[in-house]
Amino acid sequence: MIASEKDPASITGYHAHIYYDDATKPFAAALRELLTRNFDLRMGRWRDEPVGPHTKAMYQAAFAPELFSTLVPWLALNHGDLSVFIHPETGRERADHLEHALWLGEKLPLKPEALD
């Protein structure tokens, strides 16, 4: 039983955070190019240092809910050894990052205090 049902219609978009390090940055760049070629996304800038709740270098791809059913399976098959963190945008930033998120690849730690 669900204690308090949440309406998926409250999701206004998604963010996919693609994590990399010096060794995997070339692959991350190639993946970024494929993402921009294949999907209608808003790409964030390269963040070579951790920012916000993220504990590793990353870039963000923001996308509409309508793309979820094609983009997430594509990322599942094409992310290689990179970790990808996907979360909805509902206006509840803490819950979106800590309760409603998905991981592809290795799950990395987040800094919850950055979401307060």
PDB file of N, CA and C in Angstrom:
ATOM      1  N   MET A   1       0.838  -1.184   0.000  1.00  0.00           N
ATOM      2  CA  MET A   1       0.000   0.000   0.000  1.00  0.00           C
ATOM      3  C   MET A   1       0.882   1.246   0.000  1.00  0.00           C
ATOM      4  N   ILE A   2       0.525   2.207  -0.799  1.00  0.00           N
ATOM      5  CA  ILE A   2       1.255   3.465  -0.881  1.00  0.00           C
ATOM      6  C   ILE A   2       0.670   4.418   0.151  1.00  0.00           C
ATOM      7  N   ALA A   3       1.533   4.926   1.031  1.00  0.00           N
ATOM      8  CA  ALA A   3       1.082   5.820   2.099  1.00  0.00           C
ATOM      9  C   ALA A   3       0.529   7.118   1.527  1.00  0.00           C
ATOM     10  N   SER A   4       1.205   7.672   0.558  1.00  0.00           N
ATOM     11  CA  SER A   4       0.766   8.932  -0.035  1.00  0.00           C
ATOM     12  C   SER A   4       1.133   8.905  -1.507  1.00  0.00           C
ATOM     13  N   GLU A   5       0.148   8.691  -2.336  1.00  0.00           N
ATOM     14  CA  GLU A   5       0.372   8.564  -3.776  1.00  0.00           C
ATOM     15  C   GLU A   5       0.805   9.895  -4.377  1.00  0.00           C
ATOM     16  N   LYS A   6       1.814   9.839  -5.234  1.00  0.00           N
ATOM     17  CA  LYS A   6       2.319  11.023  -5.919  1.00  0.00           C
ATOM     18  C   LYS A   6       1.939  10.933  -7.389  1.00  0.00           C
ATOM     19  N   ASP A   7       1.536  12.045  -7.954  1.00  0.00           N
ATOM     20  CA  ASP A   7       1.052  12.090  -9.327  1.00  0.00           C
ATOM     21  C   ASP A   7       2.209  12.333 -10.293  1.00  0.00           C
ATOM     22  N   PRO A   8       2.483  11.397 -11.218  1.00  0.00           N
ATOM     23  CA  PRO A   8       3.544  11.609 -12.199  1.00  0.00           C
ATOM     24  C   PRO A   8       3.340  12.866 -13.054  1.00  0.00           C
ATOM     25  N   ALA A   9       2.128  13.378 -13.117  1.00  0.00           N
ATOM     26  CA  ALA A   9       1.885  14.615 -13.873  1.00  0.00           C
ATOM     27  C   ALA A   9       2.606  15.808 -13.251  1.00  0.00           C
ATOM     28  N   SER A  10       3.064  15.656 -12.006  1.00  0.00           N
ATOM     29  CA  SER A  10       3.813  16.741 -11.354  1.00  0.00           C
ATOM     30  C   SER A  10       5.247  16.844 -11.889  1.00  0.00           C
ATOM     31  N   ILE A  11       5.672  15.874 -12.690  1.00  0.00           N
ATOM     32  CA  ILE A  11       7.023  15.900 -13.262  1.00  0.00           C
ATOM     33  C   ILE A  11       7.035  16.829 -14.478  1.00  0.00           C
ATOM     34  N   THR A  12       7.807  17.902 -14.361  1.00  0.00           N
ATOM     35  CA  THR A  12       7.881  18.879 -15.456  1.00  0.00           C
ATOM     36  C   THR A  12       9.063  18.626 -16.382  1.00  0.00           C
ATOM     37  N   GLY A  13       9.985  17.783 -15.958  1.00  0.00           N
ATOM     38  CA  GLY A  13      11.160  17.461 -16.749  1.00  0.00           C
ATOM     39  C   GLY A  13      12.054  16.514 -15.988  1.00  0.00           C
ATOM     40  N   TYR A  14      13.174  16.169 -16.598  1.00  0.00           N
ATOM     41  CA  TYR A  14      14.172  15.297 -15.981  1.00  0.00           C
ATOM     42  C   TYR A  14      15.554  15.883 -16.204  1.00  0.00           C
ATOM     43  N   HIS A  15      16.459  15.524 -15.308  1.00  0.00           N
ATOM     44  CA  HIS A  15      17.879  15.813 -15.483  1.00  0.00           C
ATOM     45  C   HIS A  15      18.620  14.485 -15.484  1.00  0.00           C
ATOM     46  N   ALA A  16      19.518  14.328 -16.427  1.00  0.00           N
ATOM     47  CA  ALA A  16      20.462  13.204 -16.425  1.00  0.00           C
ATOM     48  C   ALA A  16      21.838  13.811 -16.180  1.00  0.00           C
ATOM     49  N   HIS A  17      22.495  13.389 -15.126  1.00  0.00           N
ATOM     50  CA  HIS A  17      23.840  13.855 -14.800  1.00  0.00           C
ATOM     51  C   HIS A  17      24.805  12.753 -15.206  1.00  0.00           C
ATOM     52  N   ILE A  18      25.714  13.076 -16.086  1.00  0.00           N
ATOM     53  CA  ILE A  18      26.690  12.109 -16.586  1.00  0.00           C
ATOM     54  C   ILE A  18      28.031  12.425 -15.930  1.00  0.00           C
ATOM     55  N   TYR A  19      28.530  11.481 -15.137  1.00  0.00           N
ATOM     56  CA  TYR A  19      29.750  11.670 -14.353  1.00  0.00           C
ATOM     57  C   TYR A  19      30.963  11.143 -15.112  1.00  0.00           C
ATOM     58  N   TYR A  20      32.092  11.798 -14.900  1.00  0.00           N
ATOM     59  CA  TYR A  20      33.330  11.416 -15.577  1.00  0.00           C
ATOM     60  C   TYR A  20      34.524  11.820 -14.718  1.00  0.00           C
ATOM     61  N   ASP A  21      35.680  11.332 -15.106  1.00  0.00           N
ATOM     62  CA  ASP A  21      36.947  11.771 -14.519  1.00  0.00           C
ATOM     63  C   ASP A  21      37.909  12.008 -15.684  1.00  0.00           C
ATOM     64  N   ASP A  22      39.157  12.284 -15.385  1.00  0.00           N
ATOM     65  CA  ASP A  22      40.116  12.577 -16.463  1.00  0.00           C
ATOM     66  C   ASP A  22      40.211  11.428 -17.471  1.00  0.00           C
ATOM     67  N   ALA A  23      40.199  10.201 -16.963  1.00  0.00           N
ATOM     68  CA  ALA A  23      40.363   9.041 -17.846  1.00  0.00           C
ATOM     69  C   ALA A  23      39.131   8.797 -18.718  1.00  0.00           C
ATOM     70  N   THR A  24      37.941   9.127 -18.213  1.00  0.00           N
ATOM     71  CA  THR A  24      36.714   8.834 -18.957  1.00  0.00           C
ATOM     72  C   THR A  24      36.132  10.059 -19.676  1.00  0.00           C
ATOM     73  N   LYS A  25      36.783  11.203 -19.550  1.00  0.00           N
ATOM     74  CA  LYS A  25      36.248  12.422 -20.179  1.00  0.00           C
ATOM     75  C   LYS A  25      36.125  12.305 -21.703  1.00  0.00           C
ATOM     76  N   PRO A  26      37.076  11.680 -22.409  1.00  0.00           N
ATOM     77  CA  PRO A  26      36.884  11.526 -23.856  1.00  0.00           C
ATOM     78  C   PRO A  26      35.618  10.729 -24.205  1.00  0.00           C
ATOM     79  N   PHE A  27      35.348   9.666 -23.466  1.00  0.00           N
ATOM     80  CA  PHE A  27      34.123   8.893 -23.704  1.00  0.00           C
ATOM     81  C   PHE A  27      32.904   9.747 -23.371  1.00  0.00           C
ATOM     82  N   ALA A  28      32.965  10.497 -22.260  1.00  0.00           N
ATOM     83  CA  ALA A  28      31.864  11.384 -21.876  1.00  0.00           C
ATOM     84  C   ALA A  28      31.604  12.423 -22.959  1.00  0.00           C
ATOM     85  N   ALA A  29      32.663  12.916 -23.601  1.00  0.00           N
ATOM     86  CA  ALA A  29      32.518  13.891 -24.680  1.00  0.00           C
ATOM     87  C   ALA A  29      31.836  13.259 -25.892  1.00  0.00           C
ATOM     88  N   ALA A  30      32.230  12.045 -26.224  1.00  0.00           N
ATOM     89  CA  ALA A  30      31.606  11.347 -27.351  1.00  0.00           C
ATOM     90  C   ALA A  30      30.131  11.064 -27.055  1.00  0.00           C
ATOM     91  N   LEU A  31      29.830  10.667 -25.819  1.00  0.00           N
ATOM     92  CA  LEU A  31      28.448  10.420 -25.420  1.00  0.00           C
ATOM     93  C   LEU A  31      27.632  11.706 -25.499  1.00  0.00           C
ATOM     94  N   ARG A  32      28.217  12.804 -25.053  1.00  0.00           N
ATOM     95  CA  ARG A  32      27.545  14.103 -25.112  1.00  0.00           C
ATOM     96  C   ARG A  32      27.200  14.471 -26.556  1.00  0.00           C
ATOM     97  N   GLU A  33      28.135  14.239 -27.459  1.00  0.00           N
ATOM     98  CA  GLU A  33      27.896  14.526 -28.873  1.00  0.00           C
ATOM     99  C   GLU A  33      26.738  13.688 -29.413  1.00  0.00           C
ATOM    100  N   LEU A  34      26.716  12.412 -29.077  1.00  0.00           N
ATOM    101  CA  LEU A  34      25.615  11.550 -29.518  1.00  0.00           C
ATOM    102  C   LEU A  34      24.284  11.991 -28.915  1.00  0.00           C
ATOM    103  N   LEU A  35      24.302  12.374 -27.651  1.00  0.00           N
ATOM    104  CA  LEU A  35      23.072  12.852 -27.006  1.00  0.00           C
ATOM    105  C   LEU A  35      22.508  14.066 -27.742  1.00  0.00           C
ATOM    106  N   THR A  36      23.367  15.033 -28.033  1.00  0.00           N
ATOM    107  CA  THR A  36      22.889  16.252 -28.691  1.00  0.00           C
ATOM    108  C   THR A  36      22.458  15.985 -30.141  1.00  0.00           C
ATOM    109  N   ARG A  37      23.050  14.999 -30.758  1.00  0.00           N
ATOM    110  CA  ARG A  37      22.682  14.659 -32.137  1.00  0.00           C
ATOM    111  C   ARG A  37      21.348  13.905 -32.194  1.00  0.00           C
ATOM    112  N   ASN A  38      21.091  13.068 -31.182  1.00  0.00           N
ATOM    113  CA  ASN A  38      19.941  12.168 -31.227  1.00  0.00           C
ATOM    114  C   ASN A  38      18.712  12.630 -30.465  1.00  0.00           C
ATOM    115  N   PHE A  39      18.856  13.613 -29.577  1.00  0.00           N
ATOM    116  CA  PHE A  39      17.741  13.998 -28.713  1.00  0.00           C
ATOM    117  C   PHE A  39      17.635  15.519 -28.591  1.00  0.00           C
ATOM    118  N   ASP A  40      16.433  15.982 -28.330  1.00  0.00           N
ATOM    119  CA  ASP A  40      16.167  17.396 -28.099  1.00  0.00           C
ATOM    120  C   ASP A  40      16.377  17.679 -26.606  1.00  0.00           C
ATOM    121  N   LEU A  41      17.594  18.108 -26.251  1.00  0.00           N
ATOM    122  CA  LEU A  41      18.003  18.302 -24.856  1.00  0.00           C
ATOM    123  C   LEU A  41      18.496  19.725 -24.626  1.00  0.00           C
ATOM    124  N   ARG A  42      18.529  20.096 -23.374  1.00  0.00           N
ATOM    125  CA  ARG A  42      19.249  21.311 -22.964  1.00  0.00           C
ATOM    126  C   ARG A  42      20.487  20.824 -22.215  1.00  0.00           C
ATOM    127  N   MET A  43      21.645  20.994 -22.821  1.00  0.00           N
ATOM    128  CA  MET A  43      22.880  20.498 -22.220  1.00  0.00           C
ATOM    129  C   MET A  43      23.470  21.539 -21.284  1.00  0.00           C
ATOM    130  N   GLY A  44      23.854  21.084 -20.107  1.00  0.00           N
ATOM    131  CA  GLY A  44      24.560  21.931 -19.163  1.00  0.00           C
ATOM    132  C   GLY A  44      26.040  21.946 -19.480  1.00  0.00           C
ATOM    133  N   ARG A  45      26.742  22.857 -18.848  1.00  0.00           N
ATOM    134  CA  ARG A  45      28.171  22.963 -19.132  1.00  0.00           C
ATOM    135  C   ARG A  45      28.950  21.865 -18.398  1.00  0.00           C
ATOM    136  N   TRP A  46      30.165  21.672 -18.842  1.00  0.00           N
ATOM    137  CA  TRP A  46      31.076  20.741 -18.189  1.00  0.00           C
ATOM    138  C   TRP A  46      31.380  21.276 -16.787  1.00  0.00           C
ATOM    139  N   ARG A  47      31.277  20.417 -15.808  1.00  0.00           N
ATOM    140  CA  ARG A  47      31.618  20.753 -14.420  1.00  0.00           C
ATOM    141  C   ARG A  47      32.766  19.844 -14.003  1.00  0.00           C
ATOM    142  N   ASP A  48      33.994  20.327 -14.201  1.00  0.00           N
ATOM    143  CA  ASP A  48      35.172  19.506 -13.912  1.00  0.00           C
ATOM    144  C   ASP A  48      35.443  19.362 -12.417  1.00  0.00           C
ATOM    145  N   GLU A  49      34.734  20.100 -11.609  1.00  0.00           N
ATOM    146  CA  GLU A  49      34.819  19.982 -10.147  1.00  0.00           C
ATOM    147  C   GLU A  49      33.418  19.668  -9.627  1.00  0.00           C
ATOM    148  N   PRO A  50      33.313  18.936  -8.529  1.00  0.00           N
ATOM    149  CA  PRO A  50      31.992  18.660  -7.959  1.00  0.00           C
ATOM    150  C   PRO A  50      31.244  19.963  -7.656  1.00  0.00           C
ATOM    151  N   VAL A  51      29.931  19.941  -7.848  1.00  0.00           N
ATOM    152  CA  VAL A  51      29.094  21.105  -7.604  1.00  0.00           C
ATOM    153  C   VAL A  51      27.772  20.639  -6.989  1.00  0.00           C
ATOM    154  N   GLY A  52      27.223  21.453  -6.100  1.00  0.00           N
ATOM    155  CA  GLY A  52      25.951  21.112  -5.468  1.00  0.00           C
ATOM    156  C   GLY A  52      26.027  19.783  -4.755  1.00  0.00           C
ATOM    157  N   PRO A  53      25.032  18.922  -4.963  1.00  0.00           N
ATOM    158  CA  PRO A  53      25.034  17.626  -4.272  1.00  0.00           C
ATOM    159  C   PRO A  53      25.934  16.580  -4.930  1.00  0.00           C
ATOM    160  N   HIS A  54      26.547  16.940  -6.054  1.00  0.00           N
ATOM    161  CA  HIS A  54      27.339  15.976  -6.826  1.00  0.00           C
ATOM    162  C   HIS A  54      28.772  15.920  -6.307  1.00  0.00           C
ATOM    163  N   THR A  55      29.288  14.713  -6.193  1.00  0.00           N
ATOM    164  CA  THR A  55      30.613  14.498  -5.598  1.00  0.00           C
ATOM    165  C   THR A  55      31.685  14.168  -6.634  1.00  0.00           C
ATOM    166  N   LYS A  56      31.335  14.315  -7.897  1.00  0.00           N
ATOM    167  CA  LYS A  56      32.270  13.999  -8.971  1.00  0.00           C
ATOM    168  C   LYS A  56      31.988  14.948 -10.138  1.00  0.00           C
ATOM    169  N   ALA A  57      32.969  15.139 -10.988  1.00  0.00           N
ATOM    170  CA  ALA A  57      32.786  15.948 -12.189  1.00  0.00           C
ATOM    171  C   ALA A  57      31.633  15.383 -13.021  1.00  0.00           C
ATOM    172  N   MET A  58      30.879  16.291 -13.675  1.00  0.00           N
ATOM    173  CA  MET A  58      29.731  15.833 -14.462  1.00  0.00           C
ATOM    174  C   MET A  58      29.255  16.939 -15.386  1.00  0.00           C
ATOM    175  N   TYR A  59      28.374  16.558 -16.289  1.00  0.00           N
ATOM    176  CA  TYR A  59      27.561  17.515 -17.027  1.00  0.00           C
ATOM    177  C   TYR A  59      26.131  17.022 -16.966  1.00  0.00           C
ATOM    178  N   GLN A  60      25.218  17.938 -17.218  1.00  0.00           N
ATOM    179  CA  GLN A  60      23.796  17.640 -17.098  1.00  0.00           C
ATOM    180  C   GLN A  60      23.114  17.734 -18.451  1.00  0.00           C
ATOM    181  N   ALA A  61      22.163  16.845 -18.670  1.00  0.00           N
ATOM    182  CA  ALA A  61      21.272  16.922 -19.827  1.00  0.00           C
ATOM    183  C   ALA A  61      19.851  17.020 -19.289  1.00  0.00           C
ATOM    184  N   ALA A  62      19.176  18.124 -19.582  1.00  0.00           N
ATOM    185  CA  ALA A  62      17.790  18.316 -19.151  1.00  0.00           C
ATOM    186  C   ALA A  62      16.878  17.939 -20.310  1.00  0.00           C
ATOM    187  N   PHE A  63      15.792  17.211 -19.992  1.00  0.00           N
ATOM    188  CA  PHE A  63      14.903  16.770 -21.061  1.00  0.00           C
ATOM    189  C   PHE A  63      13.456  16.697 -20.595  1.00  0.00           C
ATOM    190  N   ALA A  64      12.559  16.757 -21.563  1.00  0.00           N
ATOM    191  CA  ALA A  64      11.123  16.734 -21.300  1.00  0.00           C
ATOM    192  C   ALA A  64      10.664  15.332 -20.917  1.00  0.00           C
ATOM    193  N   PRO A  65       9.584  15.238 -20.136  1.00  0.00           N
ATOM    194  CA  PRO A  65       9.064  13.921 -19.748  1.00  0.00           C
ATOM    195  C   PRO A  65       8.759  13.013 -20.942  1.00  0.00           C
ATOM    196  N   GLU A  66       8.368  13.602 -22.059  1.00  0.00           N
ATOM    197  CA  GLU A  66       8.026  12.800 -23.248  1.00  0.00           C
ATOM    198  C   GLU A  66       9.224  12.028 -23.800  1.00  0.00           C
ATOM    199  N   LEU A  67      10.433  12.462 -23.480  1.00  0.00           N
ATOM    200  CA  LEU A  67      11.634  11.779 -23.975  1.00  0.00           C
ATOM    201  C   LEU A  67      12.075  10.613 -23.084  1.00  0.00           C
ATOM    202  N   PHE A  68      11.515  10.520 -21.890  1.00  0.00           N
ATOM    203  CA  PHE A  68      11.979   9.512 -20.929  1.00  0.00           C
ATOM    204  C   PHE A  68      11.995   8.106 -21.541  1.00  0.00           C
ATOM    205  N   SER A  69      10.925   7.722 -22.207  1.00  0.00           N
ATOM    206  CA  SER A  69      10.803   6.335 -22.687  1.00  0.00           C
ATOM    207  C   SER A  69      11.787   5.986 -23.796  1.00  0.00           C
ATOM    208  N   THR A  70      12.382   6.990 -24.444  1.00  0.00           N
ATOM    209  CA  THR A  70      13.395   6.693 -25.460  1.00  0.00           C
ATOM    210  C   THR A  70      14.804   7.023 -24.979  1.00  0.00           C
ATOM    211  N   LEU A  71      14.944   8.112 -24.246  1.00  0.00           N
ATOM    212  CA  LEU A  71      16.273   8.539 -23.812  1.00  0.00           C
ATOM    213  C   LEU A  71      16.865   7.627 -22.737  1.00  0.00           C
ATOM    214  N   VAL A  72      16.081   7.266 -21.739  1.00  0.00           N
ATOM    215  CA  VAL A  72      16.636   6.449 -20.648  1.00  0.00           C
ATOM    216  C   VAL A  72      17.054   5.062 -21.142  1.00  0.00           C
ATOM    217  N   PRO A  73      16.255   4.362 -21.946  1.00  0.00           N
ATOM    218  CA  PRO A  73      16.749   3.089 -22.492  1.00  0.00           C
ATOM    219  C   PRO A  73      18.000   3.265 -23.355  1.00  0.00           C
ATOM    220  N   TRP A  74      18.060   4.363 -24.125  1.00  0.00           N
ATOM    221  CA  TRP A  74      19.244   4.629 -24.935  1.00  0.00           C
ATOM    222  C   TRP A  74      20.466   4.801 -24.034  1.00  0.00           C
ATOM    223  N   LEU A  75      20.321   5.592 -22.964  1.00  0.00           N
ATOM    224  CA  LEU A  75      21.428   5.768 -22.017  1.00  0.00           C
ATOM    225  C   LEU A  75      21.803   4.449 -21.337  1.00  0.00           C
ATOM    226  N   ALA A  76      20.807   3.620 -21.035  1.00  0.00           N
ATOM    227  CA  ALA A  76      21.080   2.330 -20.393  1.00  0.00           C
ATOM    228  C   ALA A  76      22.006   1.476 -21.256  1.00  0.00           C
ATOM    229  N   LEU A  77      21.847   1.571 -22.549  1.00  0.00           N
ATOM    230  CA  LEU A  77      22.654   0.763 -23.470  1.00  0.00           C
ATOM    231  C   LEU A  77      23.945   1.429 -23.901  1.00  0.00           C
ATOM    232  N   ASN A  78      24.075   2.741 -23.707  1.00  0.00           N
ATOM    233  CA  ASN A  78      25.200   3.474 -24.284  1.00  0.00           C
ATOM    234  C   ASN A  78      26.079   4.230 -23.285  1.00  0.00           C
ATOM    235  N   HIS A  79      25.812   4.131 -21.994  1.00  0.00           N
ATOM    236  CA  HIS A  79      26.589   4.915 -21.022  1.00  0.00           C
ATOM    237  C   HIS A  79      27.971   4.340 -20.743  1.00  0.00           C
ATOM    238  N   GLY A  80      28.263   3.159 -21.265  1.00  0.00           N
ATOM    239  CA  GLY A  80      29.580   2.557 -21.050  1.00  0.00           C
ATOM    240  C   GLY A  80      29.855   2.371 -19.574  1.00  0.00           C
ATOM    241  N   ASP A  81      31.044   2.783 -19.130  1.00  0.00           N
ATOM    242  CA  ASP A  81      31.418   2.654 -17.719  1.00  0.00           C
ATOM    243  C   ASP A  81      31.071   3.895 -16.906  1.00  0.00           C
ATOM    244  N   LEU A  82      30.387   4.853 -17.520  1.00  0.00           N
ATOM    245  CA  LEU A  82      30.047   6.080 -16.795  1.00  0.00           C
ATOM    246  C   LEU A  82      28.830   5.868 -15.900  1.00  0.00           C
ATOM    247  N   SER A  83      28.838   6.535 -14.773  1.00  0.00           N
ATOM    248  CA  SER A  83      27.655   6.578 -13.915  1.00  0.00           C
ATOM    249  C   SER A  83      26.744   7.680 -14.422  1.00  0.00           C
ATOM    250  N   VAL A  84      25.443   7.381 -14.440  1.00  0.00           N
ATOM    251  CA  VAL A  84      24.443   8.361 -14.864  1.00  0.00           C
ATOM    252  C   VAL A  84      23.361   8.412 -13.796  1.00  0.00           C
ATOM    253  N   PHE A  85      23.085   9.611 -13.326  1.00  0.00           N
ATOM    254  CA  PHE A  85      22.086   9.870 -12.294  1.00  0.00           C
ATOM    255  C   PHE A  85      20.917  10.593 -12.957  1.00  0.00           C
ATOM    256  N   ILE A  86      19.733  10.020 -12.867  1.00  0.00           N
ATOM    257  CA  ILE A  86      18.551  10.593 -13.517  1.00  0.00           C
ATOM    258  C   ILE A  86      17.521  10.907 -12.439  1.00  0.00           C
ATOM    259  N   HIS A  87      17.057  12.146 -12.437  1.00  0.00           N
ATOM    260  CA  HIS A  87      16.029  12.500 -11.455  1.00  0.00           C
ATOM    261  C   HIS A  87      14.953  13.372 -12.088  1.00  0.00           C
ATOM    262  N   PRO A  88      13.727  13.260 -11.552  1.00  0.00           N
ATOM    263  CA  PRO A  88      12.647  14.095 -12.068  1.00  0.00           C
ATOM    264  C   PRO A  88      12.749  15.511 -11.515  1.00  0.00           C
ATOM    265  N   GLU A  89      12.041  16.406 -12.145  1.00  0.00           N
ATOM    266  CA  GLU A  89      11.884  17.779 -11.673  1.00  0.00           C
ATOM    267  C   GLU A  89      10.420  17.953 -11.289  1.00  0.00           C
ATOM    268  N   THR A  90      10.166  18.034  -9.979  1.00  0.00           N
ATOM    269  CA  THR A  90       8.796  18.223  -9.494  1.00  0.00           C
ATOM    270  C   THR A  90       8.664  19.496  -8.664  1.00  0.00           C
ATOM    271  N   GLY A  91       9.770  20.204  -8.474  1.00  0.00           N
ATOM    272  CA  GLY A  91       9.760  21.361  -7.590  1.00  0.00           C
ATOM    273  C   GLY A  91      10.128  20.999  -6.164  1.00  0.00           C
ATOM    274  N   ARG A  92      10.365  19.723  -5.924  1.00  0.00           N
ATOM    275  CA  ARG A  92      10.786  19.244  -4.602  1.00  0.00           C
ATOM    276  C   ARG A  92      12.213  18.700  -4.756  1.00  0.00           C
ATOM    277  N   GLU A  93      13.179  19.610  -4.797  1.00  0.00           N
ATOM    278  CA  GLU A  93      14.556  19.275  -5.157  1.00  0.00           C
ATOM    279  C   GLU A  93      15.142  18.156  -4.300  1.00  0.00           C
ATOM    280  N   ARG A  94      14.962  18.240  -2.994  1.00  0.00           N
ATOM    281  CA  ARG A  94      15.529  17.215  -2.101  1.00  0.00           C
ATOM    282  C   ARG A  94      14.937  15.841  -2.407  1.00  0.00           C
ATOM    283  N   ALA A  95      13.630  15.751  -2.485  1.00  0.00           N
ATOM    284  CA  ALA A  95      12.974  14.470  -2.783  1.00  0.00           C
ATOM    285  C   ALA A  95      13.334  13.990  -4.186  1.00  0.00           C
ATOM    286  N   ASP A  96      13.388  14.920  -5.144  1.00  0.00           N
ATOM    287  CA  ASP A  96      13.725  14.527  -6.516  1.00  0.00           C
ATOM    288  C   ASP A  96      15.101  13.872  -6.584  1.00  0.00           C
ATOM    289  N   HIS A  97      16.064  14.407  -5.834  1.00  0.00           N
ATOM    290  CA  HIS A  97      17.432  13.870  -5.856  1.00  0.00           C
ATOM    291  C   HIS A  97      17.612  12.637  -4.968  1.00  0.00           C
ATOM    292  N   LEU A  98      16.946  12.608  -3.826  1.00  0.00           N
ATOM    293  CA  LEU A  98      17.236  11.562  -2.842  1.00  0.00           C
ATOM    294  C   LEU A  98      16.208  10.435  -2.788  1.00  0.00           C
ATOM    295  N   GLU A  99      14.988  10.681  -3.252  1.00  0.00           N
ATOM    296  CA  GLU A  99      13.941   9.657  -3.145  1.00  0.00           C
ATOM    297  C   GLU A  99      13.452   9.129  -4.491  1.00  0.00           C
ATOM    298  N   HIS A 100      13.473   9.967  -5.522  1.00  0.00           N
ATOM    299  CA  HIS A 100      12.825   9.610  -6.783  1.00  0.00           C
ATOM    300  C   HIS A 100      13.796   9.390  -7.936  1.00  0.00           C
ATOM    301  N   ALA A 101      15.049   9.228  -7.642  1.00  0.00           N
ATOM    302  CA  ALA A 101      16.082   9.168  -8.684  1.00  0.00           C
ATOM    303  C   ALA A 101      16.394   7.737  -9.120  1.00  0.00           C
ATOM    304  N   LEU A 102      17.022   7.647 -10.289  1.00  0.00           N
ATOM    305  CA  LEU A 102      17.479   6.375 -10.866  1.00  0.00           C
ATOM    306  C   LEU A 102      18.970   6.468 -11.140  1.00  0.00           C
ATOM    307  N   TRP A 103      19.644   5.338 -11.083  1.00  0.00           N
ATOM    308  CA  TRP A 103      21.075   5.276 -11.423  1.00  0.00           C
ATOM    309  C   TRP A 103      21.287   4.270 -12.539  1.00  0.00           C
ATOM    310  N   LEU A 104      22.173   4.619 -13.459  1.00  0.00           N
ATOM    311  CA  LEU A 104      22.714   3.692 -14.444  1.00  0.00           C
ATOM    312  C   LEU A 104      24.198   3.580 -14.137  1.00  0.00           C
ATOM    313  N   GLY A 105      24.703   2.371 -14.070  1.00  0.00           N
ATOM    314  CA  GLY A 105      26.100   2.189 -13.689  1.00  0.00           C
ATOM    315  C   GLY A 105      26.254   2.290 -12.181  1.00  0.00           C
ATOM    316  N   GLU A 106      27.466   2.598 -11.767  1.00  0.00           N
ATOM    317  CA  GLU A 106      27.776   2.666 -10.339  1.00  0.00           C
ATOM    318  C   GLU A 106      27.037   3.818  -9.664  1.00  0.00           C
ATOM    319  N   LYS A 107      26.406   3.509  -8.531  1.00  0.00           N
ATOM    320  CA  LYS A 107      25.736   4.541  -7.735  1.00  0.00           C
ATOM    321  C   LYS A 107      26.800   5.292  -6.942  1.00  0.00           C
ATOM    322  N   LEU A 108      26.815   6.602  -7.091  1.00  0.00           N
ATOM    323  CA  LEU A 108      27.801   7.438  -6.432  1.00  0.00           C
ATOM    324  C   LEU A 108      27.165   8.157  -5.230  1.00  0.00           C
ATOM    325  N   PRO A 109      27.984   8.540  -4.261  1.00  0.00           N
ATOM    326  CA  PRO A 109      27.407   9.285  -3.127  1.00  0.00           C
ATOM    327  C   PRO A 109      26.997  10.691  -3.547  1.00  0.00           C
ATOM    328  N   LEU A 110      25.984  11.200  -2.896  1.00  0.00           N
ATOM    329  CA  LEU A 110      25.553  12.583  -3.059  1.00  0.00           C
ATOM    330  C   LEU A 110      25.726  13.304  -1.728  1.00  0.00           C
ATOM    331  N   LYS A 111      25.737  14.629  -1.767  1.00  0.00           N
ATOM    332  CA  LYS A 111      25.811  15.439  -0.552  1.00  0.00           C
ATOM    333  C   LYS A 111      24.421  16.006  -0.275  1.00  0.00           C
ATOM    334  N   PRO A 112      23.641  15.331   0.560  1.00  0.00           N
ATOM    335  CA  PRO A 112      22.260  15.786   0.819  1.00  0.00           C
ATOM    336  C   PRO A 112      22.201  17.181   1.429  1.00  0.00           C
ATOM    337  N   GLU A 113      23.203  17.568   2.191  1.00  0.00           N
ATOM    338  CA  GLU A 113      23.205  18.885   2.816  1.00  0.00           C
ATOM    339  C   GLU A 113      23.186  20.016   1.792  1.00  0.00           C
ATOM    340  N   ALA A 114      23.636  19.732   0.577  1.00  0.00           N
ATOM    341  CA  ALA A 114      23.624  20.752  -0.480  1.00  0.00           C
ATOM    342  C   ALA A 114      22.212  20.990  -1.017  1.00  0.00           C
ATOM    343  N   LEU A 115      21.267  20.157  -0.629  1.00  0.00           N
ATOM    344  CA  LEU A 115      19.906  20.276  -1.112  1.00  0.00           C
ATOM    345  C   LEU A 115      18.980  20.970  -0.115  1.00  0.00           C
ATOM    346  N   ASP A 116      19.536  21.400   1.018  1.00  0.00           N
ATOM    347  CA  ASP A 116      18.703  22.062   2.038  1.00  0.00           C
ATOM    348  C   ASP A 116      18.499  23.521   1.724  1.00  0.00           C
TER     349      ASP A 116
END
